Amino acid sequence: MAPTLYHNWPVPITDKSESMSSSQKLKCLEWLGILLIPVVLALFVALIIFVVKANSKACQDGLRVEQECHNVTSLLERQLTQTWQALQGTMDQATTCNKTVVTLSASLEKEKAWGQEQLTREEKLQGEIETLKQQLQGALEEVKQLSVQRWEPLLQRVSLLLQN
């Protein structure tokens, strides 16, 4: 057998409300009141407990300790910030110092190389001076010999003349 669909026309609400008696309305309100009273009482008791605990000495001490902790934390955060800034400044100075050390090291290496070059040049010049001294010594001896050879006959004549 196939299902049959019947369409019922809705009954207006006004008809239902009229059909509901005032005693039924009163019963609903009584049940609602009976259910609401314990909820309200529980909330009121919870509120009283909360107020008592909030005003207790332990809670007040906890608030005071929390404030002190907040103050100490703020102080530590400021100190940490200052320390961090000082560290950044120190690191910047260290970077500058490192650059200066690199520059000075390069200059020192150049100076060492120049000094070594000068030392080598000085040694070379000392060798040349010694060679020139020896040559000069030889030349002086040669001049003496030439001078003696040239002037000796003349000196002998002068000596003879002086003896006469």
N, C-alpha and C. Protein backbone atom coordinates (compact mmCIF):
# COMPACT_ATOMS: atom_id res chain seq x y z
N MET A 1 0.83 -1.16 0.00
CA MET A 1 0.00 0.00 0.00
C MET A 1 0.88 1.23 0.00
N ALA A 2 0.59 2.16 -0.85
CA ALA A 2 1.38 3.37 -1.01
C ALA A 2 1.00 4.38 0.05
N PRO A 3 2.01 5.11 0.53
CA PRO A 3 1.69 6.12 1.55
C PRO A 3 0.82 7.22 0.97
N THR A 4 0.04 7.70 1.80
CA THR A 4 -0.86 8.76 1.38
C THR A 4 -0.45 10.04 2.08
N LEU A 5 -0.40 11.09 1.34
CA LEU A 5 -0.01 12.38 1.92
C LEU A 5 -1.27 13.19 2.14
N TYR A 6 -1.38 13.65 3.38
CA TYR A 6 -2.51 14.51 3.69
C TYR A 6 -1.95 15.85 4.11
N HIS A 7 -2.59 16.85 3.70
CA HIS A 7 -2.15 18.19 4.07
C HIS A 7 -3.12 18.74 5.09
N ASN A 8 -2.50 19.09 6.27
CA ASN A 8 -3.32 19.70 7.30
C ASN A 8 -3.07 21.19 7.30
N TRP A 9 -4.11 21.89 7.36
CA TRP A 9 -3.97 23.33 7.42
C TRP A 9 -3.57 23.73 8.82
N PRO A 10 -2.58 24.69 8.96
CA PRO A 10 -2.14 25.07 10.30
C PRO A 10 -3.26 25.75 11.07
N VAL A 11 -3.21 25.45 12.33
CA VAL A 11 -4.21 26.06 13.20
C VAL A 11 -3.61 27.37 13.67
N PRO A 12 -4.32 28.45 13.63
CA PRO A 12 -3.77 29.73 14.08
C PRO A 12 -3.37 29.67 15.56
N ILE A 13 -2.32 30.43 15.89
CA ILE A 13 -1.77 30.45 17.23
C ILE A 13 -2.78 30.98 18.22
N THR A 14 -3.51 31.88 17.81
CA THR A 14 -4.51 32.45 18.71
C THR A 14 -5.47 31.40 19.19
N ASP A 15 -5.73 30.43 18.37
CA ASP A 15 -6.63 29.37 18.78
C ASP A 15 -5.98 28.53 19.88
N LYS A 16 -4.66 28.25 19.75
CA LYS A 16 -3.96 27.46 20.76
C LYS A 16 -3.87 28.21 22.07
N SER A 17 -3.52 29.48 22.00
CA SER A 17 -3.38 30.23 23.24
C SER A 17 -4.71 30.35 23.95
N GLU A 18 -5.73 30.41 23.21
CA GLU A 18 -7.04 30.46 23.84
C GLU A 18 -7.38 29.12 24.44
N SER A 19 -6.86 28.07 23.72
CA SER A 19 -7.18 26.74 24.20
C SER A 19 -6.37 26.42 25.45
N MET A 20 -5.16 27.05 25.60
CA MET A 20 -4.35 26.80 26.78
C MET A 20 -4.98 27.57 27.92
N SER A 21 -5.19 26.90 28.95
CA SER A 21 -5.85 27.54 30.07
C SER A 21 -4.85 28.30 30.91
N SER A 22 -5.31 29.14 31.71
CA SER A 22 -4.45 29.93 32.57
C SER A 22 -3.79 29.07 33.63
N SER A 23 -4.38 27.98 33.97
CA SER A 23 -3.76 27.08 34.95
C SER A 23 -2.53 26.41 34.34
N GLN A 24 -2.58 26.11 33.05
CA GLN A 24 -1.41 25.55 32.39
C GLN A 24 -0.29 26.58 32.33
N LYS A 25 -0.67 27.81 32.07
CA LYS A 25 0.33 28.89 32.03
C LYS A 25 0.97 29.04 33.40
N LEU A 26 0.19 28.94 34.43
CA LEU A 26 0.68 29.08 35.79
C LEU A 26 1.62 27.94 36.13
N LYS A 27 1.31 26.73 35.71
CA LYS A 27 2.15 25.57 35.95
C LYS A 27 3.51 25.76 35.28
N CYS A 28 3.53 26.27 34.06
CA CYS A 28 4.80 26.51 33.35
C CYS A 28 5.64 27.52 34.10
N LEU A 29 4.99 28.55 34.58
CA LEU A 29 5.73 29.57 35.31
C LEU A 29 6.24 29.02 36.64
N GLU A 30 5.46 28.15 37.30
CA GLU A 30 5.92 27.55 38.55
C GLU A 30 7.16 26.70 38.31
N TRP A 31 7.12 25.87 37.27
CA TRP A 31 8.28 25.02 36.96
C TRP A 31 9.49 25.88 36.60
N LEU A 32 9.24 26.92 35.85
CA LEU A 32 10.32 27.82 35.49
C LEU A 32 10.90 28.47 36.74
N GLY A 33 10.07 28.88 37.63
CA GLY A 33 10.52 29.48 38.89
C GLY A 33 11.27 28.49 39.74
N ILE A 34 10.76 27.25 39.80
CA ILE A 34 11.41 26.21 40.59
C ILE A 34 12.81 25.92 40.05
N LEU A 35 12.96 25.95 38.73
CA LEU A 35 14.26 25.71 38.12
C LEU A 35 15.20 26.91 38.26
N LEU A 36 14.65 28.10 38.20
CA LEU A 36 15.48 29.31 38.27
C LEU A 36 15.97 29.61 39.68
N ILE A 37 15.20 29.28 40.70
CA ILE A 37 15.59 29.61 42.08
C ILE A 37 16.90 28.94 42.46
N PRO A 38 17.10 27.64 42.23
CA PRO A 38 18.39 27.04 42.59
C PRO A 38 19.56 27.63 41.79
N VAL A 39 19.30 27.95 40.54
CA VAL A 39 20.37 28.54 39.72
C VAL A 39 20.75 29.90 40.28
N VAL A 40 19.76 30.70 40.62
CA VAL A 40 20.03 32.04 41.18
C VAL A 40 20.72 31.90 42.53
N LEU A 41 20.25 30.96 43.36
CA LEU A 41 20.88 30.76 44.67
C LEU A 41 22.33 30.29 44.51
N ALA A 42 22.59 29.39 43.57
CA ALA A 42 23.95 28.91 43.34
C ALA A 42 24.85 30.05 42.89
N LEU A 43 24.35 30.90 41.98
CA LEU A 43 25.12 32.06 41.53
C LEU A 43 25.38 33.04 42.68
N PHE A 44 24.37 33.23 43.54
CA PHE A 44 24.52 34.14 44.67
C PHE A 44 25.57 33.60 45.65
N VAL A 45 25.50 32.29 45.93
CA VAL A 45 26.48 31.67 46.84
C VAL A 45 27.88 31.76 46.23
N ALA A 46 27.99 31.49 44.93
CA ALA A 46 29.30 31.58 44.27
C ALA A 46 29.84 33.01 44.34
N LEU A 47 28.95 34.00 44.17
CA LEU A 47 29.36 35.40 44.26
C LEU A 47 29.85 35.73 45.67
N ILE A 48 29.17 35.25 46.69
CA ILE A 48 29.58 35.49 48.07
C ILE A 48 30.95 34.85 48.33
N ILE A 49 31.12 33.61 47.86
CA ILE A 49 32.40 32.93 48.06
C ILE A 49 33.52 33.70 47.35
N PHE A 50 33.23 34.16 46.13
CA PHE A 50 34.23 34.92 45.38
C PHE A 50 34.62 36.21 46.11
N VAL A 51 33.62 36.94 46.63
CA VAL A 51 33.88 38.19 47.33
C VAL A 51 34.70 37.91 48.60
N VAL A 52 34.35 36.86 49.32
CA VAL A 52 35.08 36.53 50.56
C VAL A 52 36.53 36.18 50.22
N LYS A 53 36.72 35.36 49.17
CA LYS A 53 38.09 34.97 48.81
C LYS A 53 38.88 36.15 48.26
N ALA A 54 38.22 37.01 47.49
CA ALA A 54 38.90 38.16 46.89
C ALA A 54 39.37 39.13 47.97
N ASN A 55 38.62 39.20 49.07
CA ASN A 55 39.00 40.11 50.14
C ASN A 55 39.84 39.43 51.22
N SER A 56 40.21 38.19 51.03
CA SER A 56 40.98 37.49 52.05
C SER A 56 42.42 38.01 52.07
N LYS A 57 43.10 37.77 53.20
CA LYS A 57 44.48 38.21 53.38
C LYS A 57 45.40 37.55 52.37
N ALA A 58 45.19 36.28 52.10
CA ALA A 58 46.04 35.55 51.14
C ALA A 58 45.92 36.15 49.75
N CYS A 59 44.71 36.52 49.37
CA CYS A 59 44.50 37.11 48.05
C CYS A 59 45.15 38.49 47.98
N GLN A 60 45.01 39.26 49.04
CA GLN A 60 45.64 40.58 49.08
C GLN A 60 47.16 40.45 49.01
N ASP A 61 47.70 39.46 49.78
CA ASP A 61 49.15 39.22 49.73
C ASP A 61 49.57 38.78 48.33
N GLY A 62 48.75 37.97 47.70
CA GLY A 62 49.04 37.51 46.34
C GLY A 62 49.06 38.67 45.37
N LEU A 63 48.11 39.60 45.51
CA LEU A 63 48.10 40.78 44.65
C LEU A 63 49.33 41.64 44.86
N ARG A 64 49.72 41.78 46.14
CA ARG A 64 50.90 42.58 46.46
C ARG A 64 52.15 41.93 45.87
N VAL A 65 52.26 40.61 46.03
CA VAL A 65 53.42 39.89 45.49
C VAL A 65 53.43 39.98 43.96
N GLU A 66 52.25 39.86 43.36
CA GLU A 66 52.16 39.96 41.90
C GLU A 66 52.62 41.35 41.44
N GLN A 67 52.24 42.40 42.15
CA GLN A 67 52.66 43.76 41.80
C GLN A 67 54.18 43.91 41.94
N GLU A 68 54.72 43.37 43.04
CA GLU A 68 56.17 43.43 43.23
C GLU A 68 56.89 42.68 42.12
N CYS A 69 56.35 41.52 41.77
CA CYS A 69 56.94 40.72 40.69
C CYS A 69 56.89 41.49 39.38
N HIS A 70 55.78 42.16 39.13
CA HIS A 70 55.66 42.97 37.92
C HIS A 70 56.69 44.10 37.92
N ASN A 71 56.86 44.74 39.08
CA ASN A 71 57.86 45.82 39.18
C ASN A 71 59.27 45.30 38.94
N VAL A 72 59.59 44.17 39.54
CA VAL A 72 60.93 43.58 39.37
C VAL A 72 61.13 43.17 37.91
N THR A 73 60.09 42.60 37.31
CA THR A 73 60.19 42.20 35.91
C THR A 73 60.42 43.42 35.02
N SER A 74 59.71 44.50 35.30
CA SER A 74 59.90 45.73 34.51
C SER A 74 61.32 46.25 34.66
N LEU A 75 61.83 46.24 35.90
CA LEU A 75 63.20 46.69 36.15
C LEU A 75 64.20 45.82 35.39
N LEU A 76 63.99 44.50 35.46
CA LEU A 76 64.90 43.58 34.77
C LEU A 76 64.84 43.77 33.25
N GLU A 77 63.65 44.04 32.74
CA GLU A 77 63.52 44.29 31.30
C GLU A 77 64.28 45.55 30.90
N ARG A 78 64.18 46.62 31.71
CA ARG A 78 64.93 47.85 31.42
C ARG A 78 66.43 47.59 31.48
N GLN A 79 66.86 46.86 32.52
CA GLN A 79 68.29 46.55 32.65
C GLN A 79 68.77 45.70 31.47
N LEU A 80 67.95 44.75 31.06
CA LEU A 80 68.30 43.91 29.92
C LEU A 80 68.42 44.74 28.65
N THR A 81 67.49 45.67 28.47
CA THR A 81 67.54 46.55 27.31
C THR A 81 68.81 47.40 27.33
N GLN A 82 69.13 47.97 28.50
CA GLN A 82 70.34 48.77 28.61
C GLN A 82 71.59 47.93 28.36
N THR A 83 71.60 46.72 28.90
CA THR A 83 72.74 45.83 28.71
C THR A 83 72.88 45.47 27.24
N TRP A 84 71.76 45.21 26.60
CA TRP A 84 71.79 44.86 25.18
C TRP A 84 72.33 46.03 24.36
N GLN A 85 71.90 47.25 24.69
CA GLN A 85 72.39 48.43 23.98
C GLN A 85 73.89 48.61 24.22
N ALA A 86 74.33 48.40 25.46
CA ALA A 86 75.75 48.51 25.76
C ALA A 86 76.54 47.44 24.99
N LEU A 87 75.98 46.24 24.92
CA LEU A 87 76.64 45.16 24.17
C LEU A 87 76.75 45.52 22.70
N GLN A 88 75.69 46.09 22.14
CA GLN A 88 75.73 46.50 20.73
C GLN A 88 76.81 47.56 20.53
N GLY A 89 76.88 48.53 21.45
CA GLY A 89 77.93 49.56 21.35
C GLY A 89 79.31 48.95 21.45
N THR A 90 79.48 48.01 22.36
CA THR A 90 80.77 47.34 22.53
C THR A 90 81.13 46.55 21.28
N MET A 91 80.14 45.88 20.71
CA MET A 91 80.40 45.11 19.49
C MET A 91 80.77 46.03 18.33
N ASP A 92 80.12 47.19 18.25
CA ASP A 92 80.48 48.17 17.22
C ASP A 92 81.91 48.65 17.42
N GLN A 93 82.28 48.91 18.69
CA GLN A 93 83.65 49.33 18.98
C GLN A 93 84.64 48.23 18.63
N ALA A 94 84.27 46.99 18.93
CA ALA A 94 85.16 45.86 18.63
C ALA A 94 85.35 45.74 17.12
N THR A 95 84.28 45.94 16.37
CA THR A 95 84.39 45.90 14.91
C THR A 95 85.33 46.99 14.42
N THR A 96 85.17 48.19 14.97
CA THR A 96 86.05 49.30 14.59
C THR A 96 87.49 48.98 14.97
N CYS A 97 87.69 48.44 16.16
CA CYS A 97 89.04 48.08 16.60
C CYS A 97 89.64 47.01 15.70
N ASN A 98 88.84 46.02 15.32
CA ASN A 98 89.34 44.97 14.44
C ASN A 98 89.77 45.55 13.09
N LYS A 99 88.96 46.47 12.55
CA LYS A 99 89.33 47.11 11.29
C LYS A 99 90.64 47.90 11.46
N THR A 100 90.76 48.60 12.60
CA THR A 100 91.97 49.36 12.86
C THR A 100 93.17 48.44 12.98
N VAL A 101 93.00 47.30 13.66
CA VAL A 101 94.09 46.33 13.80
C VAL A 101 94.52 45.81 12.43
N VAL A 102 93.54 45.52 11.58
CA VAL A 102 93.87 45.03 10.24
C VAL A 102 94.65 46.09 9.48
N THR A 103 94.19 47.35 9.56
CA THR A 103 94.88 48.44 8.87
C THR A 103 96.29 48.61 9.42
N LEU A 104 96.41 48.61 10.74
CA LEU A 104 97.74 48.78 11.35
C LEU A 104 98.66 47.60 11.03
N SER A 105 98.10 46.40 10.98
CA SER A 105 98.91 45.23 10.64
C SER A 105 99.44 45.35 9.21
N ALA A 106 98.57 45.79 8.31
CA ALA A 106 99.01 45.98 6.92
C ALA A 106 100.10 47.04 6.85
N SER A 107 99.92 48.15 7.58
CA SER A 107 100.94 49.21 7.59
C SER A 107 102.24 48.69 8.18
N LEU A 108 102.15 47.90 9.25
CA LEU A 108 103.34 47.34 9.88
C LEU A 108 104.08 46.42 8.92
N GLU A 109 103.33 45.60 8.19
CA GLU A 109 103.96 44.72 7.21
C GLU A 109 104.68 45.53 6.13
N LYS A 110 104.04 46.62 5.68
CA LYS A 110 104.68 47.49 4.69
C LYS A 110 105.95 48.10 5.25
N GLU A 111 105.86 48.56 6.51
CA GLU A 111 107.04 49.16 7.15
C GLU A 111 108.16 48.13 7.32
N LYS A 112 107.79 46.91 7.69
CA LYS A 112 108.80 45.85 7.83
C LYS A 112 109.47 45.59 6.48
N ALA A 113 108.64 45.49 5.43
CA ALA A 113 109.20 45.25 4.09
C ALA A 113 110.11 46.40 3.68
N TRP A 114 109.67 47.63 3.94
CA TRP A 114 110.49 48.80 3.60
C TRP A 114 111.78 48.80 4.41
N GLY A 115 111.67 48.47 5.73
CA GLY A 115 112.85 48.40 6.60
C GLY A 115 113.82 47.32 6.12
N GLN A 116 113.28 46.19 5.72
CA GLN A 116 114.14 45.11 5.20
C GLN A 116 114.81 45.55 3.92
N GLU A 117 114.07 46.24 3.07
CA GLU A 117 114.63 46.76 1.82
C GLU A 117 115.75 47.76 2.12
N GLN A 118 115.50 48.63 3.10
CA GLN A 118 116.52 49.62 3.48
C GLN A 118 117.76 48.92 4.03
N LEU A 119 117.55 47.88 4.84
CA LEU A 119 118.67 47.13 5.41
C LEU A 119 119.49 46.47 4.31
N THR A 120 118.80 45.88 3.35
CA THR A 120 119.49 45.26 2.22
C THR A 120 120.27 46.30 1.43
N ARG A 121 119.64 47.45 1.18
CA ARG A 121 120.29 48.54 0.46
C ARG A 121 121.51 49.05 1.24
N GLU A 122 121.35 49.16 2.57
CA GLU A 122 122.46 49.63 3.41
C GLU A 122 123.64 48.65 3.34
N GLU A 123 123.33 47.35 3.41
CA GLU A 123 124.39 46.35 3.33
C GLU A 123 125.10 46.43 1.98
N LYS A 124 124.32 46.61 0.93
CA LYS A 124 124.90 46.73 -0.41
C LYS A 124 125.79 47.96 -0.50
N LEU A 125 125.28 49.08 0.05
CA LEU A 125 126.07 50.32 0.04
C LEU A 125 127.32 50.19 0.90
N GLN A 126 127.22 49.46 2.03
CA GLN A 126 128.41 49.24 2.88
C GLN A 126 129.46 48.47 2.08
N GLY A 127 128.99 47.47 1.32
CA GLY A 127 129.92 46.71 0.49
C GLY A 127 130.58 47.60 -0.55
N GLU A 128 129.80 48.47 -1.17
CA GLU A 128 130.34 49.40 -2.16
C GLU A 128 131.32 50.37 -1.51
N ILE A 129 130.97 50.83 -0.30
CA ILE A 129 131.87 51.76 0.42
C ILE A 129 133.20 51.08 0.70
N GLU A 130 133.13 49.82 1.17
CA GLU A 130 134.37 49.09 1.44
C GLU A 130 135.21 48.95 0.17
N THR A 131 134.51 48.60 -0.92
CA THR A 131 135.22 48.47 -2.21
C THR A 131 135.84 49.80 -2.59
N LEU A 132 135.09 50.89 -2.45
CA LEU A 132 135.61 52.21 -2.81
C LEU A 132 136.75 52.63 -1.88
N LYS A 133 136.67 52.27 -0.58
CA LYS A 133 137.76 52.57 0.35
C LYS A 133 139.03 51.85 -0.08
N GLN A 134 138.86 50.59 -0.44
CA GLN A 134 140.03 49.82 -0.88
C GLN A 134 140.61 50.42 -2.16
N GLN A 135 139.70 50.80 -3.08
CA GLN A 135 140.18 51.43 -4.31
C GLN A 135 140.89 52.75 -4.00
N LEU A 136 140.31 53.51 -3.07
CA LEU A 136 140.92 54.79 -2.68
C LEU A 136 142.26 54.56 -2.02
N GLN A 137 142.33 53.56 -1.16
CA GLN A 137 143.59 53.23 -0.50
C GLN A 137 144.64 52.87 -1.55
N GLY A 138 144.22 52.05 -2.52
CA GLY A 138 145.14 51.68 -3.59
C GLY A 138 145.57 52.88 -4.40
N ALA A 139 144.60 53.75 -4.68
CA ALA A 139 144.91 54.96 -5.46
C ALA A 139 145.84 55.86 -4.67
N LEU A 140 145.65 55.98 -3.34
CA LEU A 140 146.54 56.81 -2.52
C LEU A 140 147.96 56.25 -2.51
N GLU A 141 148.06 54.96 -2.41
CA GLU A 141 149.38 54.35 -2.43
C GLU A 141 150.05 54.58 -3.78
N GLU A 142 149.24 54.44 -4.83
CA GLU A 142 149.80 54.67 -6.17
C GLU A 142 150.24 56.11 -6.31
N VAL A 143 149.42 57.03 -5.77
CA VAL A 143 149.79 58.45 -5.83
C VAL A 143 151.07 58.69 -5.05
N LYS A 144 151.21 58.03 -3.90
CA LYS A 144 152.43 58.19 -3.11
C LYS A 144 153.64 57.69 -3.88
N GLN A 145 153.45 56.53 -4.48
CA GLN A 145 154.57 55.97 -5.24
C GLN A 145 154.92 56.88 -6.41
N LEU A 146 153.85 57.34 -7.11
CA LEU A 146 154.12 58.24 -8.23
C LEU A 146 154.72 59.54 -7.74
N SER A 147 154.22 59.97 -6.64
CA SER A 147 154.71 61.22 -6.09
C SER A 147 156.15 61.05 -5.66
N VAL A 148 156.46 59.95 -5.03
CA VAL A 148 157.84 59.71 -4.58
C VAL A 148 158.73 59.57 -5.81
N GLN A 149 158.25 58.84 -6.79
CA GLN A 149 159.06 58.66 -7.99
C GLN A 149 159.24 59.99 -8.71
N ARG A 150 158.29 60.81 -8.75
CA ARG A 150 158.38 62.07 -9.46
C ARG A 150 159.16 63.09 -8.65
N TRP A 151 158.93 63.13 -7.40
CA TRP A 151 159.53 64.18 -6.58
C TRP A 151 160.88 63.73 -6.02
N GLU A 152 161.17 62.50 -6.01
CA GLU A 152 162.43 62.03 -5.43
C GLU A 152 163.65 62.63 -6.15
N PRO A 153 163.68 62.59 -7.48
CA PRO A 153 164.83 63.22 -8.12
C PRO A 153 164.89 64.70 -7.79
N LEU A 154 163.77 65.32 -7.76
CA LEU A 154 163.76 66.75 -7.46
C LEU A 154 164.21 66.99 -6.04
N LEU A 155 163.78 66.14 -5.10
CA LEU A 155 164.17 66.28 -3.70
C LEU A 155 165.67 66.01 -3.54
N GLN A 156 166.15 65.07 -4.30
CA GLN A 156 167.60 64.79 -4.23
C GLN A 156 168.37 66.00 -4.72
N ARG A 157 167.90 66.64 -5.76
CA ARG A 157 168.58 67.82 -6.27
C ARG A 157 168.53 68.94 -5.24
N VAL A 158 167.32 69.08 -4.65
CA VAL A 158 167.16 70.16 -3.66
C VAL A 158 168.09 69.83 -2.49
N SER A 159 168.18 68.60 -2.07
CA SER A 159 169.04 68.24 -0.98
C SER A 159 170.50 68.51 -1.33
N LEU A 160 170.88 68.21 -2.54
CA LEU A 160 172.24 68.48 -2.97
C LEU A 160 172.49 69.97 -2.96
N LEU A 161 171.56 70.67 -3.44
CA LEU A 161 171.73 72.12 -3.48
C LEU A 161 171.80 72.68 -2.06
N LEU A 162 171.07 72.12 -1.21
CA LEU A 162 171.09 72.62 0.15
C LEU A 162 172.37 72.24 0.84
N GLN A 163 172.93 71.17 0.47
CA GLN A 163 174.18 70.74 1.08
C GLN A 163 175.33 71.64 0.56
N ASN A 164 175.19 72.08 -0.58
CA ASN A 164 176.25 72.92 -1.15
C ASN A 164 176.13 74.26 -0.57
